Amino acid sequence: MKTNPPHAWPNNTQEAISIQEQLRSQVVTTDELAEIRYVAGVDVGYKHSDSLTRAAVAVLSFPDLQLCDRAIAQTPTTFPYIPGFLSFREVPAVLQALEKLKITPDLVLCDGQGLAHPRRFGLACHLGVITDLPAIGVAKSRLIGEHEALSNRRGHWQPLLDRGETIGAVVRSRTGVKPIYVSIGHRVALTTAIDYVLRCTSKYRLPETTRWSDRLSREDKMN
């Protein structure tokens, strides 16, 4: 698949904030989905003291979650590590990995935030808007927001709120295990996002998309 970022990559946080504020109005928070036959997971890591950013993308069939395609790319790291701006470190490498795929995914599950972000434009939103692919943020930890107590049973969820606005959901993906944080990235409503995340999560805490992309990234690191 071809990708074409609508902006130059920033050199500082002021430029990054400007890009986030310009693009966040393009995020679609309702369902604009075709038939979901392939789901992708994205994992990003770093090499050589953070000087290189490495992205791994795994494409799985849906709903049986079998690996169908994979790609790895690495680019020079050009933006510092600052919470709230991680997409500017990660997206350039992810785009290069996506361009190597033979199968274009119908839905991308990002290991990070979507709307659950101070400026409502996390990694999943940024990647979704640039590629116009439906995208979901699936984070291991909370960046912002508060929520009510959560049941221990799998599938239970509570809205994640920030200043009275629902920005995502805290979701129990496995009974008795720490929850995950799901938020809209692009072209997927929140309840739909939760449903797909749970359907991509079998017997572990994290979706198989995340587990596969992480595995590919680790295998590449050992080579």
N, C-alpha and C. Protein backbone atom coordinates (compact mmCIF):
# COMPACT_ATOMS: atom_id res chain seq x y z
N MET A 1 0.83 -1.18 0.00
CA MET A 1 0.00 0.00 0.00
C MET A 1 0.88 1.25 0.00
N LYS A 2 0.37 2.33 -0.58
CA LYS A 2 1.10 3.58 -0.66
C LYS A 2 0.61 4.53 0.43
N THR A 3 1.56 5.25 1.02
CA THR A 3 1.22 6.24 2.04
C THR A 3 1.84 7.57 1.66
N ASN A 4 1.15 8.65 2.02
CA ASN A 4 1.64 9.98 1.67
C ASN A 4 1.30 10.95 2.79
N PRO A 5 2.22 11.14 3.75
CA PRO A 5 1.94 12.04 4.87
C PRO A 5 1.57 13.44 4.40
N PRO A 6 0.52 14.05 4.98
CA PRO A 6 0.08 15.38 4.54
C PRO A 6 0.87 16.51 5.16
N HIS A 7 1.98 16.20 5.83
CA HIS A 7 2.75 17.24 6.50
C HIS A 7 4.22 16.82 6.56
N ALA A 8 5.09 17.82 6.74
CA ALA A 8 6.49 17.53 7.01
C ALA A 8 6.63 17.12 8.47
N TRP A 9 7.64 16.32 8.78
CA TRP A 9 7.84 15.88 10.16
C TRP A 9 8.45 17.01 10.97
N PRO A 10 7.93 17.28 12.16
CA PRO A 10 8.32 18.46 12.92
C PRO A 10 9.70 18.33 13.57
N ASN A 11 10.24 19.48 13.95
CA ASN A 11 11.53 19.53 14.62
C ASN A 11 11.40 19.81 16.11
N ASN A 12 10.22 20.25 16.56
CA ASN A 12 10.04 20.59 17.96
C ASN A 12 8.59 20.41 18.36
N THR A 13 8.30 20.55 19.65
CA THR A 13 6.94 20.29 20.14
C THR A 13 5.94 21.33 19.65
N GLN A 14 6.38 22.56 19.44
CA GLN A 14 5.45 23.58 18.95
C GLN A 14 4.93 23.21 17.56
N GLU A 15 5.83 22.76 16.70
CA GLU A 15 5.41 22.32 15.37
C GLU A 15 4.53 21.08 15.46
N ALA A 16 4.87 20.18 16.37
CA ALA A 16 4.08 18.95 16.54
C ALA A 16 2.67 19.25 17.02
N ILE A 17 2.54 20.14 17.98
CA ILE A 17 1.21 20.53 18.47
C ILE A 17 0.39 21.13 17.35
N SER A 18 1.00 21.96 16.53
CA SER A 18 0.29 22.57 15.40
C SER A 18 -0.26 21.51 14.46
N ILE A 19 0.55 20.48 14.17
CA ILE A 19 0.10 19.40 13.30
C ILE A 19 -1.05 18.64 13.95
N GLN A 20 -0.93 18.31 15.23
CA GLN A 20 -2.00 17.60 15.93
C GLN A 20 -3.30 18.40 15.90
N GLU A 21 -3.22 19.70 16.13
CA GLU A 21 -4.43 20.52 16.15
C GLU A 21 -5.04 20.66 14.76
N GLN A 22 -4.19 20.66 13.73
CA GLN A 22 -4.70 20.76 12.35
C GLN A 22 -5.38 19.47 11.91
N LEU A 23 -4.82 18.33 12.30
CA LEU A 23 -5.32 17.05 11.79
C LEU A 23 -6.42 16.42 12.63
N ARG A 24 -6.54 16.80 13.89
CA ARG A 24 -7.50 16.09 14.75
C ARG A 24 -8.94 16.26 14.28
N SER A 25 -9.25 17.34 13.56
CA SER A 25 -10.61 17.52 13.05
C SER A 25 -10.94 16.52 11.95
N GLN A 26 -9.91 15.85 11.41
CA GLN A 26 -10.14 14.86 10.36
C GLN A 26 -10.43 13.46 10.90
N VAL A 27 -10.30 13.29 12.21
CA VAL A 27 -10.58 11.98 12.80
C VAL A 27 -12.07 11.69 12.71
N VAL A 28 -12.41 10.54 12.18
CA VAL A 28 -13.81 10.09 12.06
C VAL A 28 -14.10 9.16 13.23
N THR A 29 -15.09 9.51 14.04
CA THR A 29 -15.38 8.75 15.26
C THR A 29 -16.61 7.86 15.13
N THR A 30 -17.09 7.67 13.91
CA THR A 30 -18.20 6.76 13.65
C THR A 30 -17.70 5.61 12.77
N ASP A 31 -18.52 4.58 12.65
CA ASP A 31 -18.12 3.42 11.87
C ASP A 31 -18.15 3.71 10.37
N GLU A 32 -16.98 3.62 9.75
CA GLU A 32 -16.86 3.65 8.29
C GLU A 32 -16.00 2.45 7.91
N LEU A 33 -16.58 1.28 8.06
CA LEU A 33 -15.85 0.02 7.88
C LEU A 33 -16.42 -0.78 6.72
N ALA A 34 -15.53 -1.35 5.95
CA ALA A 34 -15.94 -2.36 4.98
C ALA A 34 -15.89 -3.72 5.68
N GLU A 35 -16.02 -4.79 4.92
CA GLU A 35 -15.88 -6.12 5.51
C GLU A 35 -14.47 -6.27 6.07
N ILE A 36 -14.38 -6.74 7.32
CA ILE A 36 -13.07 -6.91 7.95
C ILE A 36 -12.58 -8.34 7.69
N ARG A 37 -11.63 -8.45 6.79
CA ARG A 37 -11.03 -9.75 6.47
C ARG A 37 -9.61 -9.86 7.00
N TYR A 38 -8.95 -8.70 7.15
CA TYR A 38 -7.57 -8.69 7.63
C TYR A 38 -7.40 -7.59 8.68
N VAL A 39 -6.79 -7.96 9.79
CA VAL A 39 -6.50 -7.01 10.86
C VAL A 39 -4.99 -6.97 11.05
N ALA A 40 -4.48 -5.79 11.37
CA ALA A 40 -3.04 -5.63 11.51
C ALA A 40 -2.69 -5.13 12.90
N GLY A 41 -1.53 -5.54 13.36
CA GLY A 41 -0.96 -5.02 14.60
C GLY A 41 0.34 -4.31 14.29
N VAL A 42 0.64 -3.26 15.06
CA VAL A 42 1.84 -2.46 14.85
C VAL A 42 2.63 -2.42 16.15
N ASP A 43 3.93 -2.69 16.05
CA ASP A 43 4.82 -2.59 17.21
C ASP A 43 6.03 -1.77 16.81
N VAL A 44 6.46 -0.88 17.71
CA VAL A 44 7.60 -0.01 17.42
C VAL A 44 8.62 -0.12 18.54
N GLY A 45 9.88 -0.25 18.15
CA GLY A 45 10.97 -0.30 19.11
C GLY A 45 12.15 0.51 18.60
N TYR A 46 13.24 0.46 19.35
CA TYR A 46 14.40 1.31 19.01
C TYR A 46 15.69 0.50 19.09
N LYS A 47 16.66 0.91 18.29
CA LYS A 47 17.97 0.25 18.25
C LYS A 47 19.07 1.29 18.34
N HIS A 48 20.25 0.81 18.74
CA HIS A 48 21.44 1.67 18.76
C HIS A 48 21.21 2.95 19.56
N SER A 49 20.86 2.75 20.83
CA SER A 49 20.65 3.89 21.75
C SER A 49 19.60 4.86 21.20
N ASP A 50 18.53 4.31 20.68
CA ASP A 50 17.39 5.09 20.18
C ASP A 50 17.67 5.84 18.89
N SER A 51 18.79 5.62 18.26
CA SER A 51 19.08 6.36 17.03
C SER A 51 18.30 5.82 15.83
N LEU A 52 17.82 4.57 15.93
CA LEU A 52 17.01 3.97 14.87
C LEU A 52 15.66 3.55 15.43
N THR A 53 14.60 3.86 14.70
CA THR A 53 13.25 3.43 15.05
C THR A 53 12.88 2.26 14.16
N ARG A 54 12.43 1.16 14.77
CA ARG A 54 12.10 -0.05 14.03
C ARG A 54 10.62 -0.38 14.21
N ALA A 55 9.90 -0.53 13.12
CA ALA A 55 8.47 -0.83 13.16
C ALA A 55 8.21 -2.20 12.56
N ALA A 56 7.37 -2.97 13.23
CA ALA A 56 6.94 -4.27 12.72
C ALA A 56 5.42 -4.25 12.57
N VAL A 57 4.95 -4.74 11.44
CA VAL A 57 3.51 -4.84 11.18
C VAL A 57 3.18 -6.29 10.87
N ALA A 58 2.19 -6.83 11.57
CA ALA A 58 1.71 -8.20 11.32
C ALA A 58 0.26 -8.12 10.86
N VAL A 59 -0.04 -8.79 9.77
CA VAL A 59 -1.41 -8.83 9.24
C VAL A 59 -1.97 -10.23 9.47
N LEU A 60 -3.11 -10.29 10.16
CA LEU A 60 -3.75 -11.56 10.47
C LEU A 60 -5.09 -11.65 9.76
N SER A 61 -5.46 -12.87 9.41
CA SER A 61 -6.81 -13.08 8.88
C SER A 61 -7.82 -12.88 10.00
N PHE A 62 -9.03 -12.49 9.64
CA PHE A 62 -10.07 -12.29 10.63
C PHE A 62 -11.33 -13.02 10.18
N PRO A 63 -11.95 -13.79 11.07
CA PRO A 63 -11.77 -13.81 12.53
C PRO A 63 -10.84 -14.90 13.07
N ASP A 64 -10.19 -15.69 12.21
CA ASP A 64 -9.42 -16.82 12.75
C ASP A 64 -8.01 -16.45 13.20
N LEU A 65 -7.56 -15.21 12.91
CA LEU A 65 -6.33 -14.66 13.48
C LEU A 65 -5.08 -15.48 13.14
N GLN A 66 -4.94 -15.81 11.86
CA GLN A 66 -3.75 -16.50 11.37
C GLN A 66 -2.86 -15.50 10.64
N LEU A 67 -1.54 -15.60 10.83
CA LEU A 67 -0.61 -14.67 10.21
C LEU A 67 -0.64 -14.84 8.69
N CYS A 68 -0.85 -13.73 7.97
CA CYS A 68 -0.93 -13.75 6.51
C CYS A 68 0.15 -12.92 5.83
N ASP A 69 0.62 -11.89 6.51
CA ASP A 69 1.61 -11.00 5.92
C ASP A 69 2.37 -10.32 7.04
N ARG A 70 3.57 -9.86 6.75
CA ARG A 70 4.40 -9.20 7.75
C ARG A 70 5.35 -8.25 7.05
N ALA A 71 5.81 -7.24 7.78
CA ALA A 71 6.79 -6.31 7.24
C ALA A 71 7.50 -5.62 8.39
N ILE A 72 8.78 -5.32 8.16
CA ILE A 72 9.59 -4.61 9.14
C ILE A 72 10.34 -3.50 8.42
N ALA A 73 10.41 -2.34 9.06
CA ALA A 73 11.16 -1.22 8.48
C ALA A 73 11.82 -0.45 9.61
N GLN A 74 12.91 0.20 9.29
CA GLN A 74 13.54 1.05 10.28
C GLN A 74 14.00 2.35 9.64
N THR A 75 13.88 3.42 10.43
CA THR A 75 14.24 4.76 9.97
C THR A 75 15.03 5.46 11.07
N PRO A 76 15.80 6.48 10.73
CA PRO A 76 16.46 7.26 11.78
C PRO A 76 15.44 7.90 12.71
N THR A 77 15.71 7.89 13.99
CA THR A 77 14.84 8.53 14.97
C THR A 77 15.08 10.04 14.91
N THR A 78 14.04 10.80 14.63
CA THR A 78 14.22 12.24 14.40
C THR A 78 13.49 13.11 15.41
N PHE A 79 12.78 12.49 16.37
CA PHE A 79 12.04 13.29 17.35
C PHE A 79 12.31 12.72 18.73
N PRO A 80 12.48 13.57 19.74
CA PRO A 80 12.80 13.07 21.09
C PRO A 80 11.63 12.34 21.72
N TYR A 81 11.95 11.56 22.77
CA TYR A 81 10.91 10.84 23.51
C TYR A 81 10.22 11.81 24.44
N ILE A 82 8.97 12.17 24.10
CA ILE A 82 8.16 13.07 24.92
C ILE A 82 6.74 12.50 24.94
N PRO A 83 6.21 12.10 26.11
CA PRO A 83 4.83 11.59 26.16
C PRO A 83 3.86 12.59 25.53
N GLY A 84 2.93 12.06 24.73
CA GLY A 84 1.99 12.90 24.02
C GLY A 84 2.42 13.23 22.60
N PHE A 85 3.70 12.87 22.27
CA PHE A 85 4.22 13.16 20.94
C PHE A 85 4.89 11.93 20.32
N LEU A 86 4.57 10.75 20.83
CA LEU A 86 5.28 9.55 20.38
C LEU A 86 5.01 9.22 18.92
N SER A 87 3.87 9.64 18.40
CA SER A 87 3.58 9.31 17.00
C SER A 87 4.60 9.93 16.05
N PHE A 88 5.20 11.05 16.44
CA PHE A 88 6.17 11.69 15.58
C PHE A 88 7.49 10.92 15.53
N ARG A 89 7.73 10.07 16.54
CA ARG A 89 8.88 9.16 16.52
C ARG A 89 8.56 7.90 15.74
N GLU A 90 7.31 7.44 15.85
CA GLU A 90 6.96 6.10 15.42
C GLU A 90 6.35 6.00 14.02
N VAL A 91 5.50 6.96 13.67
CA VAL A 91 4.73 6.84 12.43
C VAL A 91 5.62 6.77 11.18
N PRO A 92 6.73 7.54 11.07
CA PRO A 92 7.53 7.41 9.84
C PRO A 92 7.99 5.97 9.55
N ALA A 93 8.42 5.25 10.58
CA ALA A 93 8.84 3.86 10.37
C ALA A 93 7.64 2.96 10.08
N VAL A 94 6.52 3.21 10.76
CA VAL A 94 5.32 2.40 10.53
C VAL A 94 4.85 2.56 9.08
N LEU A 95 4.88 3.77 8.56
CA LEU A 95 4.46 3.99 7.18
C LEU A 95 5.34 3.20 6.20
N GLN A 96 6.63 3.18 6.45
CA GLN A 96 7.52 2.42 5.58
C GLN A 96 7.22 0.92 5.65
N ALA A 97 6.91 0.44 6.85
CA ALA A 97 6.56 -0.98 6.98
C ALA A 97 5.25 -1.29 6.26
N LEU A 98 4.27 -0.41 6.38
CA LEU A 98 2.98 -0.62 5.70
C LEU A 98 3.16 -0.67 4.19
N GLU A 99 4.07 0.13 3.67
CA GLU A 99 4.28 0.15 2.22
C GLU A 99 4.88 -1.16 1.70
N LYS A 100 5.48 -1.94 2.58
CA LYS A 100 6.07 -3.22 2.18
C LYS A 100 5.05 -4.36 2.15
N LEU A 101 3.88 -4.14 2.71
CA LEU A 101 2.88 -5.22 2.80
C LEU A 101 2.33 -5.58 1.42
N LYS A 102 2.04 -6.86 1.25
CA LYS A 102 1.34 -7.32 0.06
C LYS A 102 -0.18 -7.27 0.27
N ILE A 103 -0.60 -7.35 1.54
CA ILE A 103 -2.03 -7.32 1.89
C ILE A 103 -2.31 -6.04 2.66
N THR A 104 -3.26 -5.26 2.17
CA THR A 104 -3.66 -4.05 2.88
C THR A 104 -4.67 -4.42 3.96
N PRO A 105 -4.39 -4.11 5.22
CA PRO A 105 -5.33 -4.48 6.29
C PRO A 105 -6.61 -3.65 6.23
N ASP A 106 -7.69 -4.25 6.69
CA ASP A 106 -8.98 -3.55 6.76
C ASP A 106 -9.14 -2.79 8.09
N LEU A 107 -8.30 -3.13 9.06
CA LEU A 107 -8.37 -2.52 10.39
C LEU A 107 -7.00 -2.65 11.03
N VAL A 108 -6.53 -1.56 11.66
CA VAL A 108 -5.22 -1.56 12.32
C VAL A 108 -5.41 -1.34 13.82
N LEU A 109 -4.82 -2.23 14.61
CA LEU A 109 -4.80 -2.08 16.06
C LEU A 109 -3.41 -1.60 16.47
N CYS A 110 -3.35 -0.39 16.99
CA CYS A 110 -2.08 0.24 17.34
C CYS A 110 -1.76 0.02 18.81
N ASP A 111 -0.51 -0.25 19.10
CA ASP A 111 -0.05 -0.39 20.47
C ASP A 111 0.20 1.01 21.03
N GLY A 112 -0.88 1.70 21.39
CA GLY A 112 -0.78 3.07 21.87
C GLY A 112 -2.16 3.70 21.96
N GLN A 113 -2.17 5.00 22.14
CA GLN A 113 -3.42 5.73 22.34
C GLN A 113 -4.01 6.22 21.02
N GLY A 114 -5.31 6.48 21.06
CA GLY A 114 -6.00 7.16 19.97
C GLY A 114 -6.52 8.49 20.49
N LEU A 115 -7.84 8.58 20.69
CA LEU A 115 -8.41 9.80 21.27
C LEU A 115 -8.06 9.99 22.74
N ALA A 116 -7.63 8.95 23.41
CA ALA A 116 -7.28 9.05 24.83
C ALA A 116 -5.91 9.72 24.98
N HIS A 117 -5.89 10.98 24.63
CA HIS A 117 -4.66 11.75 24.46
C HIS A 117 -4.97 13.20 24.83
N PRO A 118 -4.03 13.93 25.39
CA PRO A 118 -4.33 15.31 25.82
C PRO A 118 -4.91 16.19 24.72
N ARG A 119 -4.46 16.00 23.48
CA ARG A 119 -4.97 16.80 22.36
C ARG A 119 -5.85 15.95 21.43
N ARG A 120 -6.28 14.79 21.92
CA ARG A 120 -7.19 13.90 21.18
C ARG A 120 -6.61 13.48 19.84
N PHE A 121 -5.26 13.24 19.83
CA PHE A 121 -4.63 12.85 18.57
C PHE A 121 -3.40 12.01 18.86
N GLY A 122 -3.63 10.81 19.39
CA GLY A 122 -2.54 9.89 19.66
C GLY A 122 -2.13 9.12 18.42
N LEU A 123 -1.29 8.12 18.63
CA LEU A 123 -0.73 7.33 17.53
C LEU A 123 -1.79 6.77 16.59
N ALA A 124 -2.84 6.16 17.15
CA ALA A 124 -3.86 5.52 16.31
C ALA A 124 -4.62 6.53 15.46
N CYS A 125 -4.85 7.73 16.00
CA CYS A 125 -5.49 8.79 15.21
C CYS A 125 -4.56 9.26 14.10
N HIS A 126 -3.31 9.50 14.46
CA HIS A 126 -2.34 10.01 13.49
C HIS A 126 -2.15 9.03 12.34
N LEU A 127 -1.95 7.76 12.67
CA LEU A 127 -1.77 6.75 11.62
C LEU A 127 -3.04 6.58 10.80
N GLY A 128 -4.19 6.58 11.48
CA GLY A 128 -5.45 6.41 10.77
C GLY A 128 -5.74 7.53 9.79
N VAL A 129 -5.52 8.77 10.21
CA VAL A 129 -5.79 9.92 9.33
C VAL A 129 -4.84 9.92 8.15
N ILE A 130 -3.55 9.64 8.37
CA ILE A 130 -2.57 9.66 7.27
C ILE A 130 -2.88 8.58 6.24
N THR A 131 -3.23 7.38 6.69
CA THR A 131 -3.45 6.27 5.77
C THR A 131 -4.91 6.13 5.35
N ASP A 132 -5.80 6.77 6.10
CA ASP A 132 -7.26 6.62 5.96
C ASP A 132 -7.71 5.18 6.18
N LEU A 133 -6.94 4.44 6.99
CA LEU A 133 -7.36 3.10 7.39
C LEU A 133 -8.10 3.18 8.72
N PRO A 134 -9.14 2.37 8.91
CA PRO A 134 -9.75 2.28 10.23
C PRO A 134 -8.71 1.86 11.26
N ALA A 135 -8.67 2.54 12.39
CA ALA A 135 -7.62 2.29 13.38
C ALA A 135 -8.17 2.39 14.79
N ILE A 136 -7.57 1.61 15.68
CA ILE A 136 -7.96 1.57 17.09
C ILE A 136 -6.70 1.69 17.94
N GLY A 137 -6.78 2.47 19.00
CA GLY A 137 -5.70 2.52 19.97
C GLY A 137 -5.92 1.48 21.05
N VAL A 138 -4.91 0.64 21.29
CA VAL A 138 -4.98 -0.38 22.33
C VAL A 138 -3.73 -0.22 23.19
N ALA A 139 -3.87 0.44 24.31
CA ALA A 139 -2.71 0.77 25.14
C ALA A 139 -2.64 -0.12 26.38
N LYS A 140 -1.41 -0.37 26.82
CA LYS A 140 -1.22 -1.18 28.03
C LYS A 140 -1.40 -0.36 29.30
N SER A 141 -1.25 0.96 29.18
CA SER A 141 -1.35 1.82 30.36
C SER A 141 -2.15 3.07 30.01
N ARG A 142 -2.59 3.76 31.03
CA ARG A 142 -3.42 4.95 30.84
C ARG A 142 -2.54 6.19 30.75
N LEU A 143 -2.81 7.02 29.77
CA LEU A 143 -2.10 8.29 29.63
C LEU A 143 -2.84 9.39 30.37
N ILE A 144 -4.14 9.51 30.12
CA ILE A 144 -4.98 10.48 30.82
C ILE A 144 -6.34 9.84 31.06
N GLY A 145 -7.17 10.50 31.88
CA GLY A 145 -8.55 10.06 32.08
C GLY A 145 -8.77 9.32 33.39
N GLU A 146 -10.04 9.26 33.77
CA GLU A 146 -10.47 8.56 34.98
C GLU A 146 -11.61 7.63 34.63
N HIS A 147 -11.82 6.61 35.47
CA HIS A 147 -12.91 5.67 35.21
C HIS A 147 -13.42 5.07 36.51
N GLU A 148 -14.61 4.52 36.45
CA GLU A 148 -15.20 3.82 37.58
C GLU A 148 -14.54 2.45 37.74
N ALA A 149 -14.82 1.84 38.89
CA ALA A 149 -14.28 0.51 39.16
C ALA A 149 -14.74 -0.49 38.10
N LEU A 150 -13.86 -1.44 37.82
CA LEU A 150 -14.10 -2.40 36.75
C LEU A 150 -14.27 -3.80 37.33
N SER A 151 -15.23 -4.53 36.80
CA SER A 151 -15.41 -5.93 37.19
C SER A 151 -14.20 -6.75 36.77
N ASN A 152 -13.96 -7.86 37.45
CA ASN A 152 -12.84 -8.74 37.11
C ASN A 152 -13.12 -9.64 35.92
N ARG A 153 -14.35 -9.66 35.44
CA ARG A 153 -14.67 -10.63 34.39
C ARG A 153 -14.30 -10.11 33.01
N ARG A 154 -13.92 -11.04 32.15
CA ARG A 154 -13.54 -10.68 30.78
C ARG A 154 -14.72 -10.03 30.06
N GLY A 155 -14.40 -8.98 29.31
CA GLY A 155 -15.41 -8.31 28.50
C GLY A 155 -16.04 -7.11 29.17
N HIS A 156 -15.86 -6.97 30.49
CA HIS A 156 -16.44 -5.82 31.15
C HIS A 156 -15.60 -4.58 30.85
N TRP A 157 -16.27 -3.44 30.70
CA TRP A 157 -15.55 -2.20 30.43
C TRP A 157 -16.25 -1.01 31.05
N GLN A 158 -15.49 0.05 31.25
CA GLN A 158 -16.01 1.30 31.75
C GLN A 158 -15.51 2.44 30.87
N PRO A 159 -16.32 3.49 30.71
CA PRO A 159 -15.85 4.64 29.94
C PRO A 159 -14.64 5.30 30.60
N LEU A 160 -13.72 5.74 29.78
CA LEU A 160 -12.57 6.52 30.24
C LEU A 160 -12.90 7.98 29.98
N LEU A 161 -12.92 8.79 31.04
CA LEU A 161 -13.41 10.16 30.95
C LEU A 161 -12.31 11.17 31.22
N ASP A 162 -12.35 12.27 30.48
CA ASP A 162 -11.45 13.38 30.73
C ASP A 162 -12.25 14.67 30.62
N ARG A 163 -12.37 15.37 31.73
CA ARG A 163 -13.14 16.63 31.79
C ARG A 163 -14.56 16.45 31.24
N GLY A 164 -15.17 15.33 31.62
CA GLY A 164 -16.55 15.05 31.24
C GLY A 164 -16.73 14.46 29.86
N GLU A 165 -15.65 14.29 29.11
CA GLU A 165 -15.72 13.74 27.75
C GLU A 165 -15.26 12.28 27.76
N THR A 166 -16.00 11.42 27.07
CA THR A 166 -15.58 10.03 26.92
C THR A 166 -14.51 9.96 25.86
N ILE A 167 -13.31 9.57 26.27
CA ILE A 167 -12.17 9.54 25.35
C ILE A 167 -11.73 8.12 25.02
N GLY A 168 -12.36 7.13 25.66
CA GLY A 168 -11.99 5.74 25.42
C GLY A 168 -12.68 4.84 26.42
N ALA A 169 -12.10 3.68 26.62
CA ALA A 169 -12.67 2.71 27.55
C ALA A 169 -11.56 1.91 28.20
N VAL A 170 -11.76 1.57 29.47
CA VAL A 170 -10.87 0.64 30.14
C VAL A 170 -11.55 -0.73 30.06
N VAL A 171 -10.86 -1.71 29.52
CA VAL A 171 -11.47 -2.98 29.12
C VAL A 171 -10.74 -4.15 29.79
N ARG A 172 -11.54 -5.04 30.39
CA ARG A 172 -10.96 -6.27 30.95
C ARG A 172 -10.93 -7.31 29.83
N SER A 173 -9.76 -7.54 29.29
CA SER A 173 -9.62 -8.46 28.16
C SER A 173 -9.41 -9.90 28.60
N ARG A 174 -9.08 -10.09 29.88
CA ARG A 174 -8.91 -11.44 30.42
C ARG A 174 -9.30 -11.41 31.89
N THR A 175 -10.08 -12.36 32.33
CA THR A 175 -10.57 -12.39 33.71
C THR A 175 -9.41 -12.37 34.71
N GLY A 176 -9.51 -11.43 35.65
CA GLY A 176 -8.54 -11.37 36.73
C GLY A 176 -7.20 -10.78 36.36
N VAL A 177 -7.07 -10.22 35.15
CA VAL A 177 -5.79 -9.67 34.68
C VAL A 177 -5.96 -8.16 34.47
N LYS A 178 -4.87 -7.41 34.57
CA LYS A 178 -4.92 -5.97 34.40
C LYS A 178 -5.64 -5.59 33.10
N PRO A 179 -6.41 -4.51 33.11
CA PRO A 179 -7.16 -4.12 31.92
C PRO A 179 -6.26 -3.47 30.87
N ILE A 180 -6.83 -3.26 29.70
CA ILE A 180 -6.19 -2.50 28.63
C ILE A 180 -7.03 -1.26 28.37
N TYR A 181 -6.48 -0.32 27.62
CA TYR A 181 -7.14 0.96 27.38
C TYR A 181 -7.38 1.12 25.88
N VAL A 182 -8.66 1.14 25.51
CA VAL A 182 -9.07 1.14 24.11
C VAL A 182 -9.63 2.52 23.77
N SER A 183 -9.21 3.06 22.64
CA SER A 183 -9.78 4.34 22.20
C SER A 183 -9.88 4.39 20.68
N ILE A 184 -10.75 5.25 20.21
CA ILE A 184 -10.94 5.44 18.78
C ILE A 184 -9.65 5.96 18.16
N GLY A 185 -9.31 5.39 17.01
CA GLY A 185 -8.22 5.94 16.22
C GLY A 185 -8.78 6.71 15.03
N HIS A 186 -9.54 6.00 14.19
CA HIS A 186 -10.11 6.61 12.98
C HIS A 186 -11.11 5.64 12.37
N ARG A 187 -12.28 6.15 11.99
CA ARG A 187 -13.30 5.41 11.24
C ARG A 187 -13.87 4.22 12.00
N VAL A 188 -13.82 4.27 13.34
CA VAL A 188 -14.39 3.20 14.17
C VAL A 188 -15.02 3.83 15.41
N ALA A 189 -16.27 3.51 15.69
CA ALA A 189 -16.92 3.98 16.91
C ALA A 189 -16.36 3.23 18.12
N LEU A 190 -16.50 3.80 19.30
CA LEU A 190 -15.87 3.21 20.48
C LEU A 190 -16.40 1.81 20.77
N THR A 191 -17.71 1.62 20.76
CA THR A 191 -18.24 0.29 21.08
C THR A 191 -17.81 -0.74 20.05
N THR A 192 -17.71 -0.32 18.80
CA THR A 192 -17.21 -1.22 17.75
C THR A 192 -15.75 -1.55 17.99
N ALA A 193 -14.97 -0.55 18.38
CA ALA A 193 -13.55 -0.76 18.66
C ALA A 193 -13.37 -1.78 19.78
N ILE A 194 -14.15 -1.65 20.84
CA ILE A 194 -14.07 -2.60 21.96
C ILE A 194 -14.39 -4.01 21.48
N ASP A 195 -15.42 -4.13 20.67
CA ASP A 195 -15.82 -5.45 20.16
C ASP A 195 -14.71 -6.09 19.35
N TYR A 196 -14.10 -5.34 18.45
CA TYR A 196 -13.02 -5.90 17.62
C TYR A 196 -11.80 -6.25 18.46
N VAL A 197 -11.48 -5.41 19.43
CA VAL A 197 -10.33 -5.72 20.29
C VAL A 197 -10.57 -7.03 21.03
N LEU A 198 -11.75 -7.21 21.57
CA LEU A 198 -12.05 -8.45 22.29
C LEU A 198 -12.05 -9.65 21.35
N ARG A 199 -12.52 -9.47 20.14
CA ARG A 199 -12.54 -10.57 19.17
C ARG A 199 -11.13 -10.92 18.68
N CYS A 200 -10.21 -9.97 18.80
CA CYS A 200 -8.82 -10.23 18.44
C CYS A 200 -7.99 -10.72 19.63
N THR A 201 -8.63 -10.82 20.79
CA THR A 201 -7.94 -11.24 22.01
C THR A 201 -8.44 -12.63 22.38
N SER A 202 -7.55 -13.62 22.36
CA SER A 202 -7.98 -14.99 22.64
C SER A 202 -7.77 -15.32 24.10
N LYS A 203 -6.63 -15.88 24.47
CA LYS A 203 -6.45 -16.31 25.85
C LYS A 203 -5.45 -15.46 26.63
N TYR A 204 -4.97 -14.40 26.01
CA TYR A 204 -4.01 -13.53 26.68
C TYR A 204 -4.60 -12.14 26.91
N ARG A 205 -3.84 -11.30 27.61
CA ARG A 205 -4.33 -9.94 27.89
C ARG A 205 -4.37 -9.07 26.64
N LEU A 206 -3.36 -9.21 25.79
CA LEU A 206 -3.24 -8.35 24.62
C LEU A 206 -3.79 -9.02 23.37
N PRO A 207 -4.28 -8.23 22.41
CA PRO A 207 -4.77 -8.81 21.16
C PRO A 207 -3.67 -9.58 20.43
N GLU A 208 -4.08 -10.57 19.65
CA GLU A 208 -3.12 -11.35 18.88
C GLU A 208 -2.36 -10.47 17.88
N THR A 209 -2.99 -9.42 17.40
CA THR A 209 -2.32 -8.49 16.50
C THR A 209 -1.09 -7.88 17.18
N THR A 210 -1.26 -7.44 18.42
CA THR A 210 -0.16 -6.86 19.18
C THR A 210 0.90 -7.91 19.48
N ARG A 211 0.47 -9.09 19.86
CA ARG A 211 1.41 -10.15 20.22
C ARG A 211 2.25 -10.57 19.00
N TRP A 212 1.63 -10.66 17.84
CA TRP A 212 2.36 -11.06 16.64
C TRP A 212 3.35 -9.98 16.21
N SER A 213 2.93 -8.73 16.21
CA SER A 213 3.84 -7.67 15.79
C SER A 213 5.00 -7.54 16.76
N ASP A 214 4.74 -7.71 18.05
CA ASP A 214 5.82 -7.69 19.04
C ASP A 214 6.79 -8.85 18.80
N ARG A 215 6.25 -10.02 18.49
CA ARG A 215 7.09 -11.19 18.24
C ARG A 215 7.98 -10.97 17.01
N LEU A 216 7.40 -10.41 15.95
CA LEU A 216 8.19 -10.14 14.74
C LEU A 216 9.30 -9.14 15.02
N SER A 217 8.98 -8.14 15.82
CA SER A 217 9.97 -7.13 16.17
C SER A 217 11.12 -7.74 16.95
N ARG A 218 10.80 -8.63 17.88
CA ARG A 218 11.85 -9.27 18.68
C ARG A 218 12.70 -10.22 17.84
N GLU A 219 12.05 -10.95 16.92
CA GLU A 219 12.81 -11.85 16.05
C GLU A 219 13.77 -11.07 15.19
N ASP A 220 13.32 -9.93 14.66
CA ASP A 220 14.20 -9.12 13.83
C ASP A 220 15.36 -8.56 14.64
N LYS A 221 15.10 -8.23 15.89
CA LYS A 221 16.16 -7.65 16.73
C LYS A 221 17.27 -8.66 17.00
N MET A 222 16.90 -9.96 17.01
CA MET A 222 17.89 -10.98 17.28
C MET A 222 18.72 -11.33 16.04
N ASN A 223 18.21 -10.92 14.86
CA ASN A 223 18.92 -11.25 13.62
C ASN A 223 20.01 -10.23 13.31
